[in-house]
Protein backbone atom coordinates (compact mmCIF):
# COMPACT_ATOMS: atom_id res chain seq x y z
CA MET A 1 -29.81 28.34 -89.41
CA ALA A 2 -29.69 25.20 -87.25
CA THR A 3 -27.76 22.21 -88.59
CA GLU A 4 -29.54 18.86 -88.66
CA VAL A 5 -27.90 15.89 -86.97
CA VAL A 6 -28.95 12.65 -88.67
CA MET A 7 -28.54 8.95 -87.93
CA PRO A 8 -25.62 7.94 -90.18
CA GLN A 9 -25.58 4.80 -92.32
CA MET A 10 -22.74 2.74 -90.88
CA GLY A 11 -22.43 0.27 -93.74
CA GLU A 12 -24.33 -0.70 -96.87
CA SER A 13 -26.64 -3.20 -95.16
CA ILE A 14 -27.39 -1.02 -92.12
CA ALA A 15 -30.93 0.38 -92.11
CA GLU A 16 -31.19 1.62 -88.53
CA GLY A 17 -29.19 2.44 -85.43
CA THR A 18 -29.83 2.59 -81.70
CA ILE A 19 -28.76 5.70 -79.80
CA THR A 20 -27.03 4.37 -76.68
CA ARG A 21 -26.35 7.74 -75.05
CA TRP A 22 -25.81 11.44 -75.69
CA LEU A 23 -22.36 12.76 -74.84
CA VAL A 24 -23.48 16.42 -74.82
CA LYS A 25 -26.48 17.92 -73.02
CA VAL A 26 -28.97 20.34 -74.57
CA GLY A 27 -27.60 23.85 -74.19
CA GLU A 28 -23.96 22.79 -74.07
CA LYS A 29 -21.42 24.03 -76.59
CA ILE A 30 -19.86 21.62 -79.04
CA GLU A 31 -17.14 21.84 -81.68
CA ARG A 32 -17.36 20.41 -85.18
CA ASP A 33 -16.18 16.76 -85.21
CA GLN A 34 -16.42 16.52 -81.41
CA PRO A 35 -18.18 13.27 -80.36
CA LEU A 36 -21.88 14.09 -79.93
CA PHE A 37 -23.61 10.75 -79.29
CA GLU A 38 -22.98 7.01 -79.34
CA ILE A 39 -24.84 4.51 -81.50
CA SER A 40 -25.05 0.75 -81.74
CA THR A 41 -25.93 -1.09 -84.96
CA ASP A 42 -25.96 -4.67 -86.24
CA LYS A 43 -22.31 -4.18 -87.22
CA VAL A 44 -20.54 -1.79 -84.89
CA ASP A 45 -20.70 0.56 -81.91
CA ALA A 46 -19.42 4.05 -82.70
CA GLU A 47 -19.22 7.65 -81.53
CA ILE A 48 -20.87 10.08 -83.96
CA PRO A 49 -19.23 13.50 -84.31
CA SER A 50 -21.07 16.81 -84.47
CA PRO A 51 -21.57 18.10 -88.05
CA ALA A 52 -21.10 21.74 -86.94
CA THR A 53 -19.82 24.05 -84.22
CA GLY A 54 -22.44 25.59 -81.94
CA VAL A 55 -24.83 24.57 -79.19
CA LEU A 56 -26.94 21.43 -78.98
CA ILE A 57 -30.33 23.15 -79.12
CA GLN A 58 -32.71 20.21 -79.51
CA VAL A 59 -32.73 16.41 -79.18
CA ASP A 60 -35.49 14.49 -80.96
CA SER A 61 -34.39 10.92 -80.14
CA GLN A 62 -33.37 9.85 -76.65
CA GLY A 63 -30.96 7.15 -75.51
CA GLY A 64 -32.37 3.70 -76.13
CA GLU A 65 -34.36 4.71 -79.22
CA THR A 66 -33.81 2.90 -82.52
CA VAL A 67 -34.24 5.13 -85.56
CA PRO A 68 -33.75 4.65 -89.32
CA VAL A 69 -30.69 5.97 -91.09
CA ASN A 70 -30.87 9.58 -92.32
CA GLN A 71 -33.57 10.49 -89.77
CA VAL A 72 -32.95 13.75 -87.92
CA VAL A 73 -32.15 13.07 -84.26
CA ALA A 74 -31.02 16.51 -83.08
CA TYR A 75 -30.11 20.09 -84.07
CA VAL A 76 -26.95 22.12 -83.52
CA GLY A 77 -27.19 25.90 -83.82
CA GLU A 78 -26.78 29.24 -82.06
CA PRO A 79 -27.76 29.73 -78.39
CA GLY A 80 -31.50 30.43 -78.09
CA GLU A 81 -32.21 29.43 -81.70
CA GLN A 82 -35.55 27.70 -82.28
CA VAL A 83 -36.30 24.92 -84.74
CA GLY A 84 -39.57 23.50 -85.97
CA GLY A 85 -40.93 20.07 -85.03
CA GLY A 86 -41.37 18.29 -81.73
CA SER A 87 -38.56 17.59 -79.35
CA ALA A 88 -38.11 14.45 -77.30
CA THR A 89 -36.83 16.68 -74.50
CA ALA A 90 -40.27 18.24 -74.15
CA ALA A 91 -42.60 15.33 -74.77
CA SER A 92 -46.23 15.71 -73.77
CA PRO A 93 -47.28 14.07 -70.48
CA GLY A 94 -49.23 11.38 -72.31
CA ALA A 95 -46.40 10.42 -74.62
CA GLY A 96 -44.53 7.19 -73.89
CA SER A 97 -40.73 7.03 -73.87
CA ALA A 98 -38.99 4.46 -76.04
CA SER A 99 -36.81 3.52 -73.09
CA GLU A 100 -39.76 2.80 -70.77
CA PRO A 101 -41.01 -0.80 -70.55
CA ALA A 102 -44.51 -1.40 -71.81
CA SER A 103 -47.11 -1.92 -69.12
CA PRO A 104 -48.82 -5.33 -68.89
CA ALA A 105 -52.05 -3.79 -70.12
CA SER A 106 -50.40 -2.43 -73.26
CA THR A 107 -49.05 -5.87 -74.19
CA ALA A 108 -52.23 -7.80 -73.52
CA ALA A 109 -54.40 -6.56 -76.39
CA PRO A 110 -56.56 -9.29 -78.00
CA GLU A 111 -54.61 -10.98 -80.79
CA ALA A 112 -57.57 -11.04 -83.12
CA SER A 113 -58.12 -7.29 -82.88
CA GLU A 114 -54.41 -6.64 -83.32
CA ALA A 115 -54.24 -8.89 -86.38
CA ALA A 116 -57.23 -7.13 -87.91
CA ALA A 117 -55.66 -3.74 -87.30
CA VAL A 118 -52.40 -4.87 -88.90
CA ALA A 119 -54.25 -6.21 -91.91
CA ASP A 120 -56.18 -2.97 -92.37
CA ALA A 121 -53.03 -0.90 -92.04
CA ALA A 122 -51.08 -3.07 -94.49
CA ALA A 123 -53.52 -2.29 -97.29
CA SER A 124 -52.74 1.42 -97.21
CA GLU A 125 -49.15 1.28 -95.91
CA SER A 126 -47.47 1.09 -99.32
CA THR A 127 -49.05 4.38 -100.37
CA SER A 128 -48.60 6.21 -97.07
CA LEU A 129 -44.92 5.36 -96.49
CA SER A 130 -42.10 7.34 -98.02
CA PRO A 131 -39.70 5.43 -100.31
CA LEU A 132 -37.12 5.26 -97.49
CA GLU A 133 -39.66 4.00 -94.95
CA ASP A 134 -40.97 1.40 -97.39
CA ARG A 135 -37.42 0.19 -98.08
CA LEU A 136 -36.67 -0.05 -94.36
CA ARG A 137 -39.91 -1.92 -93.67
CA ARG A 138 -39.11 -4.55 -96.28
CA PHE A 139 -35.37 -4.74 -95.62
CA SER A 140 -33.69 -7.53 -93.65
CA SER A 141 -29.99 -8.11 -93.14
CA PRO A 142 -28.13 -10.73 -95.23
CA LEU A 143 -27.85 -12.98 -92.17
CA VAL A 144 -31.61 -12.88 -91.60
CA ARG A 145 -32.29 -13.65 -95.27
CA ASN A 146 -29.79 -16.52 -95.13
CA ILE A 147 -31.43 -18.02 -92.03
CA ALA A 148 -34.87 -17.64 -93.62
CA ALA A 149 -33.76 -19.35 -96.84
CA LYS A 150 -32.11 -22.21 -94.95
CA GLU A 151 -35.13 -22.77 -92.67
CA GLY A 152 -37.78 -22.22 -95.33
CA VAL A 153 -39.29 -19.16 -93.66
CA ASP A 154 -41.22 -16.51 -95.57
CA LEU A 155 -40.10 -13.24 -94.01
CA ALA A 156 -43.23 -11.52 -95.31
CA GLN A 157 -45.29 -13.64 -92.90
CA LEU A 158 -43.37 -12.51 -89.81
CA THR A 159 -44.06 -9.38 -87.79
CA GLY A 160 -40.70 -7.83 -86.97
CA THR A 161 -39.76 -5.67 -84.03
CA GLY A 162 -37.28 -3.59 -86.04
CA ILE A 163 -38.03 -0.19 -87.48
CA HIS A 164 -41.19 -0.21 -89.65
CA GLY A 165 -41.70 -3.93 -88.91
CA ARG A 166 -38.29 -5.03 -90.16
CA VAL A 167 -37.51 -8.65 -89.17
CA THR A 168 -34.36 -8.78 -87.05
CA LYS A 169 -32.12 -11.73 -86.14
CA THR A 170 -33.75 -11.88 -82.71
CA ASP A 171 -37.21 -12.07 -84.35
CA ILE A 172 -36.41 -14.95 -86.69
CA LEU A 173 -34.50 -16.93 -84.06
CA ALA A 174 -37.39 -16.50 -81.61
CA TYR A 175 -39.80 -17.66 -84.31
CA LEU A 176 -37.68 -20.73 -85.13
CA GLU A 177 -37.48 -21.65 -81.44
CA THR A 178 -41.26 -21.38 -81.13
CA ARG A 179 -41.79 -23.34 -84.35
CA SER A 180 -39.53 -26.16 -83.20
CA SER A 181 -41.53 -26.62 -79.98
CA THR A 182 -44.97 -26.18 -81.59
CA PRO A 183 -44.64 -26.78 -85.37
CA ALA A 184 -48.19 -25.73 -86.14
CA ALA A 185 -48.04 -22.48 -84.23
CA ALA A 186 -48.06 -19.15 -86.00
CA PRO A 187 -45.29 -16.58 -85.41
CA SER A 188 -45.76 -15.02 -82.00
CA ALA A 189 -44.32 -12.13 -80.10
CA VAL A 190 -41.52 -12.59 -77.57
CA PRO A 191 -43.04 -13.42 -74.14
CA PRO A 192 -43.09 -10.59 -71.60
CA ALA A 193 -40.08 -10.36 -69.29
CA GLY A 194 -40.13 -12.92 -66.50
CA GLN A 195 -42.40 -15.42 -68.27
CA GLY A 196 -39.52 -17.04 -70.16
CA ARG A 197 -39.81 -19.02 -73.38
CA PRO A 198 -41.46 -22.40 -74.02
CA VAL A 199 -38.76 -25.12 -73.97
CA GLY A 200 -39.73 -28.73 -74.65
CA GLY A 201 -43.35 -27.97 -73.80
CA PHE A 202 -42.47 -26.31 -70.48
CA GLN A 203 -42.55 -22.60 -69.68
CA VAL A 204 -39.19 -21.67 -68.17
CA ALA A 205 -39.41 -18.48 -66.13
CA ALA A 206 -36.37 -16.24 -65.74
CA TYR A 207 -37.44 -15.20 -62.25
CA GLY A 208 -40.28 -15.62 -59.79
CA ALA A 209 -42.62 -12.97 -58.44
CA ASP A 210 -41.09 -13.23 -54.96
CA GLU A 211 -37.44 -13.05 -56.10
CA ASN A 212 -35.29 -10.00 -55.39
CA VAL A 213 -33.95 -9.10 -58.83
CA THR A 214 -32.65 -6.18 -60.84
CA ILE A 215 -33.62 -6.08 -64.51
CA GLU A 216 -31.56 -4.25 -67.13
CA PRO A 217 -32.12 -4.26 -70.89
CA MET A 218 -29.41 -5.92 -72.95
CA SER A 219 -27.15 -3.62 -74.93
CA LYS A 220 -27.57 -3.81 -78.68
CA ILE A 221 -24.24 -5.58 -79.10
CA ARG A 222 -25.16 -8.11 -76.37
CA GLN A 223 -28.47 -8.89 -78.12
CA ILE A 224 -26.65 -9.41 -81.41
CA THR A 225 -24.01 -11.62 -79.80
CA ALA A 226 -26.65 -13.74 -78.05
CA ALA A 227 -28.60 -14.29 -81.27
CA HIS A 228 -25.45 -15.01 -83.27
CA MET A 229 -24.11 -17.54 -80.76
CA ALA A 230 -27.44 -19.39 -80.52
CA TYR A 231 -27.62 -19.47 -84.32
CA SER A 232 -24.07 -20.82 -84.56
CA LYS A 233 -24.69 -23.64 -82.08
CA ALA A 234 -27.85 -24.60 -83.95
CA THR A 235 -26.05 -24.51 -87.32
CA SER A 236 -22.58 -26.04 -86.95
CA ALA A 237 -21.56 -29.42 -85.55
CA HIS A 238 -19.14 -28.12 -82.91
CA VAL A 239 -16.08 -30.20 -81.96
CA THR A 240 -13.06 -28.93 -79.98
CA SER A 241 -9.50 -30.26 -80.08
CA VAL A 242 -6.92 -29.05 -77.51
CA PHE A 243 -3.13 -28.95 -78.01
CA HIS A 244 -0.39 -28.09 -75.52
CA VAL A 245 2.11 -25.77 -77.24
CA ASP A 246 5.61 -24.96 -76.04
CA MET A 247 5.98 -21.17 -76.30
CA THR A 248 9.44 -21.05 -74.73
CA ARG A 249 11.19 -20.12 -77.97
CA VAL A 250 8.67 -17.39 -78.74
CA ALA A 251 8.87 -16.03 -75.20
CA SER A 252 12.67 -15.91 -75.36
CA VAL A 253 12.75 -14.05 -78.68
CA ARG A 254 10.00 -11.67 -77.59
CA ASN A 255 11.71 -10.79 -74.30
CA ARG A 256 14.96 -10.03 -76.13
CA VAL A 257 13.47 -7.72 -78.77
CA LYS A 258 10.33 -6.17 -77.23
CA LYS A 259 12.05 -2.98 -75.99
CA ARG A 260 13.67 -2.16 -79.34
CA PHE A 261 10.54 -3.28 -81.16
CA LEU A 262 8.48 -0.74 -79.20
CA GLU A 263 10.99 2.03 -79.91
CA ALA A 264 11.10 1.26 -83.63
CA ASN A 265 7.37 0.64 -84.25
CA GLY A 266 5.59 2.60 -81.53
CA THR A 267 3.58 -0.47 -80.50
CA LYS A 268 4.01 -3.42 -78.12
CA LEU A 269 5.05 -6.87 -79.29
CA THR A 270 2.72 -9.40 -77.65
CA TYR A 271 2.44 -13.13 -78.27
CA MET A 272 -0.45 -12.65 -80.68
CA PRO A 273 1.50 -11.58 -83.83
CA PHE A 274 3.55 -14.81 -83.55
CA ILE A 275 0.31 -16.78 -83.30
CA PHE A 276 -1.27 -14.86 -86.20
CA LYS A 277 1.76 -15.66 -88.34
CA ALA A 278 1.63 -19.37 -87.50
CA VAL A 279 -2.12 -19.53 -88.13
CA CYS A 280 -1.77 -17.87 -91.55
CA GLY A 281 0.77 -20.51 -92.57
CA ALA A 282 -1.56 -23.29 -91.39
CA LEU A 283 -4.54 -21.80 -93.24
CA ARG A 284 -2.55 -21.75 -96.46
CA ALA A 285 -1.65 -25.42 -95.91
CA PHE A 286 -5.21 -26.42 -94.94
CA PRO A 287 -7.64 -24.19 -96.92
CA GLN A 288 -10.70 -26.12 -95.72
CA LEU A 289 -10.39 -24.24 -92.41
CA ASN A 290 -10.50 -20.91 -94.31
CA ALA A 291 -13.86 -21.71 -95.84
CA ALA A 292 -17.62 -21.54 -95.40
CA ILE A 293 -20.59 -23.81 -96.12
CA ASP A 294 -23.29 -22.68 -98.54
CA GLY A 295 -25.97 -25.35 -98.62
CA THR A 296 -24.20 -28.37 -100.13
CA ASN A 297 -21.34 -26.27 -101.53
CA ILE A 298 -17.98 -25.48 -99.94
CA VAL A 299 -16.85 -21.87 -100.38
CA TYR A 300 -13.05 -21.59 -100.17
CA LYS A 301 -11.90 -18.09 -99.26
CA LYS A 302 -8.83 -16.97 -101.21
CA ASP A 303 -8.05 -14.15 -98.78
CA ILE A 304 -6.94 -14.85 -95.22
CA ASN A 305 -8.77 -12.32 -93.03
CA LEU A 306 -8.18 -13.02 -89.35
CA GLY A 307 -10.85 -11.95 -86.89
CA MET A 308 -9.60 -11.24 -83.36
CA ALA A 309 -12.13 -11.16 -80.56
CA VAL A 310 -11.93 -8.05 -78.36
CA ALA A 311 -13.77 -7.94 -75.03
CA LEU A 312 -15.63 -4.71 -74.28
CA ASP A 313 -17.43 -3.59 -71.13
CA HIS A 314 -20.80 -4.14 -72.83
CA GLY A 315 -20.11 -7.11 -75.09
CA LEU A 316 -17.75 -8.61 -77.64
CA ILE A 317 -16.56 -7.34 -81.02
CA VAL A 318 -14.38 -9.01 -83.66
CA PRO A 319 -12.21 -6.63 -85.71
CA VAL A 320 -10.65 -8.16 -88.82
CA LEU A 321 -7.01 -8.16 -89.95
CA ARG A 322 -7.39 -8.07 -93.73
CA ASN A 323 -4.93 -10.14 -95.82
CA ALA A 324 -3.11 -11.08 -92.64
CA ASP A 325 -0.88 -13.57 -94.49
CA GLN A 326 0.70 -10.68 -96.39
CA LEU A 327 1.74 -8.79 -93.23
CA SER A 328 5.04 -9.02 -91.38
CA LEU A 329 5.24 -9.56 -87.62
CA SER A 330 5.56 -5.81 -87.09
CA GLY A 331 2.64 -5.16 -89.45
CA LEU A 332 0.48 -7.68 -87.61
CA ALA A 333 1.41 -6.14 -84.25
CA GLN A 334 0.67 -2.59 -85.39
CA GLN A 335 -2.66 -3.40 -87.03
CA ALA A 336 -3.85 -5.69 -84.24
CA ASN A 337 -3.06 -3.18 -81.48
CA ASP A 338 -4.62 -0.34 -83.47
CA LEU A 339 -7.84 -2.28 -84.13
CA ALA A 340 -8.11 -3.36 -80.49
CA ASP A 341 -7.58 0.19 -79.20
CA ARG A 342 -10.18 1.65 -81.57
CA ALA A 343 -12.66 -1.13 -80.76
CA ARG A 344 -12.44 -0.25 -77.05
CA THR A 345 -12.86 3.46 -77.76
CA LYS A 346 -15.77 2.94 -80.21
CA ARG A 347 -13.90 4.26 -83.23
CA MET A 348 -14.31 1.19 -85.43
CA LYS A 349 -15.48 1.47 -89.03
CA PRO A 350 -18.17 -0.97 -90.22
CA ASP A 351 -15.95 -2.59 -92.87
CA GLU A 352 -13.30 -3.35 -90.23
CA ILE A 353 -15.49 -6.02 -88.62
CA GLN A 354 -16.68 -7.71 -91.81
CA LYS A 355 -15.45 -10.49 -94.13
CA GLY A 356 -13.41 -12.38 -91.55
CA THR A 357 -12.50 -15.91 -92.67
CA PHE A 358 -11.07 -17.36 -89.43
CA THR A 359 -11.29 -16.10 -85.84
CA ILE A 360 -8.83 -16.16 -82.93
CA THR A 361 -9.97 -15.45 -79.37
CA ASN A 362 -7.60 -14.98 -76.43
CA PRO A 363 -9.31 -15.66 -73.08
CA GLY A 364 -5.88 -16.50 -71.69
CA VAL A 365 -5.26 -12.82 -70.96
CA PHE A 366 -7.82 -13.19 -68.16
CA GLY A 367 -6.14 -16.32 -66.77
CA SER A 368 -8.21 -19.02 -68.50
CA LEU A 369 -6.25 -22.22 -69.22
CA PHE A 370 -8.41 -23.02 -72.24
CA GLY A 371 -12.02 -22.92 -73.39
CA THR A 372 -14.29 -24.28 -76.11
CA PRO A 373 -15.16 -21.20 -78.20
CA VAL A 374 -18.25 -20.95 -80.40
CA ILE A 375 -17.69 -20.67 -84.15
CA ASN A 376 -18.18 -17.20 -85.63
CA GLN A 377 -20.61 -17.83 -88.50
CA PRO A 378 -20.30 -18.29 -91.44
CA GLN A 379 -16.76 -19.43 -90.65
CA VAL A 380 -16.01 -23.09 -89.93
CA ALA A 381 -13.39 -22.81 -87.18
CA ILE A 382 -12.18 -20.65 -84.29
CA LEU A 383 -8.97 -20.87 -82.27
CA GLY A 384 -8.92 -20.15 -78.53
CA ILE A 385 -5.63 -19.19 -76.85
CA GLY A 386 -5.17 -20.01 -73.16
CA ALA A 387 -2.89 -18.45 -70.58
CA VAL A 388 0.83 -18.41 -71.47
CA GLU A 389 2.64 -19.46 -68.31
CA LYS A 390 5.59 -21.48 -67.03
CA ARG A 391 4.86 -25.13 -66.20
CA PRO A 392 6.86 -28.25 -65.29
CA ILE A 393 7.12 -30.39 -68.43
CA VAL A 394 8.81 -33.72 -69.15
CA VAL A 395 11.50 -33.24 -71.82
CA THR A 396 13.59 -35.86 -73.58
CA ASP A 397 17.21 -35.28 -74.50
CA PRO A 398 18.85 -36.63 -77.71
CA ASP A 399 19.89 -39.79 -75.86
CA GLY A 400 16.30 -40.55 -74.86
CA ALA A 401 16.65 -39.64 -71.20
CA ASP A 402 13.67 -37.90 -69.61
CA ALA A 403 13.85 -34.96 -67.22
CA LEU A 404 11.58 -32.31 -65.74
CA ALA A 405 12.05 -28.81 -67.10
CA ILE A 406 10.39 -25.44 -66.65
CA ARG A 407 8.91 -24.41 -69.99
CA THR A 408 6.61 -21.57 -71.10
CA MET A 409 3.46 -23.40 -72.19
CA CYS A 410 0.00 -22.60 -73.57
CA TYR A 411 -3.13 -24.59 -74.42
CA PHE A 412 -4.56 -23.98 -77.91
CA ALA A 413 -8.20 -25.05 -78.40
CA LEU A 414 -9.55 -25.35 -81.94
CA THR A 415 -13.34 -25.54 -82.31
CA PHE A 416 -14.28 -26.69 -85.80
CA ASP A 417 -17.41 -27.49 -87.80
CA HIS A 418 -17.49 -31.27 -88.19
CA ARG A 419 -19.82 -30.94 -91.18
CA LEU A 420 -16.78 -29.89 -93.22
CA ILE A 421 -13.66 -30.56 -91.17
CA ASP A 422 -12.67 -34.05 -90.00
CA GLY A 423 -10.76 -34.58 -86.78
CA SER A 424 -7.61 -35.59 -88.66
CA ASP A 425 -7.68 -32.35 -90.70
CA ALA A 426 -8.15 -30.28 -87.54
CA ASP A 427 -5.28 -32.06 -85.78
CA HIS A 428 -2.94 -31.70 -88.77
CA PHE A 429 -3.79 -28.00 -88.81
CA MET A 430 -2.92 -27.71 -85.12
CA VAL A 431 0.32 -29.67 -85.54
CA HIS A 432 1.33 -27.16 -88.24
CA ILE A 433 0.75 -24.25 -85.83
CA LYS A 434 2.52 -26.04 -82.97
CA LYS A 435 5.58 -26.80 -85.10
CA ALA A 436 5.80 -23.22 -86.38
CA LEU A 437 5.68 -21.72 -82.88
CA GLU A 438 8.12 -24.20 -81.40
CA THR A 439 10.74 -24.16 -84.19
CA ASP A 440 10.39 -21.03 -86.37
CA PRO A 441 13.54 -18.84 -86.13
CA TRP A 442 11.60 -15.58 -86.72
CA LYS A 443 14.42 -14.18 -88.83
CA GLU A 444 12.67 -10.86 -89.41
CA LEU A 445 13.25 -9.98 -85.74
CA GLU A 446 17.03 -10.29 -86.02
CA THR A 447 17.27 -6.55 -86.76
CA TYR A 448 16.02 -5.85 -83.20
CA LEU A 449 18.60 -8.08 -81.48
């Protein structure tokens, strides 16, 4: 008997997932636990393994489709085995594909007729939907509910684009943008591609009819990142402070021990574990940077969970080092490298990208001197690390004489939420990190010397 392949629930608050691509074709053999397809959710991208050994005999949901958790998306069985139900691989000629863009005619239905149809359907929907479908229709993520509560929006009045009308982050942010430009306007659908959004009373088009363009849909993770960044800029009062940090001491110690460190721990020793360690010490000294804002309350986080931004081909993900202040340098190196590797190979677990309290991003690996990163909500600060490189620096000897020296330097840029953190607090925090990196003896590495 064929084995059902269902959309897994990748976290407690996840109600749906988008199939990004199938890794096995219909008719091909597959082993149990072999990656079968990739999904993207509000929390994580992941490869989903096959629940059984056999042949992929039917696919009911194609790449690009968003389906609720626990819905059957495919079947694995014996060669030639038949299963009941329709298959997306043999859709009727009149059926539309979820990955095909809607035609202009299909999006131009009269609003009044559409509203009437929605109203008629709503009256009988509660009795026609299954308990799971009804839950999914009414469900919104904690972030969406938080935005709605803060902005005074009744989610029941919005028509969502998620599964069964679920209101997504993109929906509520689009509504808030429309409301800010026309306060009396009712919630409206996102404008068709190319027409842009109304900004300050003007319609800003993404492209003209005579332009030579290529249009690709955003990946799920890119959509989420875009909505989250726009929300953060609209929420926090962003200020950035930049410090020049002398990494010569760290570079010297690292160069001396990195070979033995790799042999003993099976992982590379980069600059990041030193920075993680220094940041943990600073967060303990300045707990207001390890906090969040809840209305008019300040929520101080007792755990120090460091988020580290990892660049992917299709977007950005922030794995979290839990209780980072309790880890040694070798522990930080091992966990950070493991999380980064699994993030790039789509083997992250949902709880490994949640509950971060402070984020560190490292654009310096690409050559950037420094940047002004956007705060990862609901956190109140993020630290950007620039390129670590040798530079000519003026140094002063004990007698007060100045001289030029070649030092290994790096710019550290702290973006903080000025609603909670004053400039003096941010600068004291950065001085603490600078002092730790420039003077800490890193005694735990003596065993590798």
